[in-house]
Amino acid sequence: MSWWKLVIAGVIALVLGAGIYGLINEKNNLGKKAAGFRAEFESLEKENKELSARIKYFENPENLLKEIKSQFNYREQGEGLIIIVPRD
């Protein structure tokens, strides 16, 4: 009867070992996902700061007008526009 106890103890040890191995693998996978999320969060946080700085810059009407003029060749009435083309 004692060998049955050893077999049962062995089976229990195998089941516990497999469970622990699965938990360790899951922990490692979650750690990798967490690192990816952390990197994405830092990237988005940096982008958010840059966008906030641009919003603050464009809150000034003079800066907004300057940007419109540079991107769309906009000019006010009576204002001239000079386009300088570099030599090749």
Protein backbone atom coordinates (compact mmCIF):
# COMPACT_ATOMS: atom_id res chain seq x y z
CA MET A 1 0.00 0.00 0.00
CA SER A 2 2.92 2.34 0.48
CA TRP A 3 3.82 2.31 -3.23
CA TRP A 4 0.32 3.70 -4.01
CA LYS A 5 1.10 6.59 -1.72
CA LEU A 6 4.33 7.22 -3.64
CA VAL A 7 2.49 7.10 -6.98
CA ILE A 8 -0.17 9.53 -5.72
CA ALA A 9 2.50 11.83 -4.27
CA GLY A 10 4.37 11.71 -7.61
CA VAL A 11 1.23 12.57 -9.56
CA ILE A 12 0.47 15.44 -7.20
CA ALA A 13 4.05 16.69 -7.55
CA LEU A 14 3.79 16.56 -11.36
CA VAL A 15 0.48 18.42 -11.38
CA LEU A 16 1.83 21.09 -9.02
CA GLY A 17 5.04 21.38 -11.05
CA ALA A 18 3.10 21.83 -14.30
CA GLY A 19 0.88 24.43 -12.65
CA ILE A 20 3.85 26.37 -11.31
CA TYR A 21 5.57 26.19 -14.71
CA GLY A 22 2.42 27.57 -16.37
CA LEU A 23 2.18 30.40 -13.83
CA ILE A 24 5.82 31.34 -14.38
CA ASN A 25 5.31 31.44 -18.16
CA GLU A 26 2.18 33.56 -17.74
CA LYS A 27 4.05 35.94 -15.42
CA ASN A 28 6.84 36.35 -17.99
CA ASN A 29 4.35 36.99 -20.81
CA LEU A 30 2.48 39.56 -18.72
CA GLY A 31 5.79 41.24 -17.85
CA LYS A 32 6.62 41.58 -21.55
CA LYS A 33 3.18 43.00 -22.28
CA ALA A 34 3.52 45.44 -19.38
CA ALA A 35 6.89 46.63 -20.74
CA GLY A 36 5.30 47.20 -24.15
CA PHE A 37 2.42 49.13 -22.61
CA ARG A 38 4.87 51.18 -20.56
CA ALA A 39 6.87 52.10 -23.68
CA GLU A 40 3.68 52.99 -25.56
CA PHE A 41 2.49 55.09 -22.60
CA GLU A 42 5.78 57.01 -22.50
CA SER A 43 5.61 57.62 -26.24
CA LEU A 44 2.03 58.88 -26.00
CA GLU A 45 2.91 61.03 -23.00
CA LYS A 46 5.74 62.65 -24.99
CA GLU A 47 3.40 63.24 -27.94
CA ASN A 48 0.82 64.74 -25.57
CA LYS A 49 3.39 67.20 -24.19
CA GLU A 50 4.42 68.21 -27.72
CA LEU A 51 0.80 68.76 -28.76
CA SER A 52 0.11 70.76 -25.60
CA ALA A 53 3.09 72.97 -26.38
CA ARG A 54 1.83 73.51 -29.95
CA ILE A 55 -1.66 74.35 -28.67
CA LYS A 56 -0.18 76.87 -26.27
CA TYR A 57 1.87 78.35 -29.14
CA PHE A 58 -1.17 78.66 -31.41
CA GLU A 59 -3.29 80.28 -28.69
CA ASN A 60 -1.46 83.49 -29.60
CA PRO A 61 -3.28 84.91 -32.66
CA GLU A 62 -0.03 86.30 -34.11
CA ASN A 63 1.58 82.86 -34.11
CA LEU A 64 -1.51 81.32 -35.67
CA LEU A 65 -1.57 83.93 -38.44
CA LYS A 66 2.16 83.44 -39.05
CA GLU A 67 1.64 79.67 -39.41
CA ILE A 68 -1.31 80.13 -41.80
CA LYS A 69 0.77 82.47 -43.94
CA SER A 70 3.72 80.07 -44.10
CA GLN A 71 1.74 76.92 -44.89
CA PHE A 72 -0.92 78.25 -47.25
CA ASN A 73 0.80 81.26 -48.86
CA TYR A 74 -1.93 83.40 -47.30
CA ARG A 75 -1.59 87.15 -47.41
CA GLU A 76 -3.67 89.93 -46.06
CA GLN A 77 -5.15 92.63 -48.26
CA GLY A 78 -2.46 95.06 -49.35
CA GLU A 79 0.34 92.70 -48.28
CA GLY A 80 2.83 91.46 -50.86
CA LEU A 81 4.15 87.94 -51.18
CA ILE A 82 7.69 87.14 -52.26
CA ILE A 83 8.68 83.57 -53.06
CA ILE A 84 12.42 82.95 -53.13
CA VAL A 85 13.56 80.00 -55.23
CA PRO A 86 17.09 78.73 -54.55
CA ARG A 87 19.57 78.34 -57.41
CA ASP A 88 20.46 74.84 -58.53
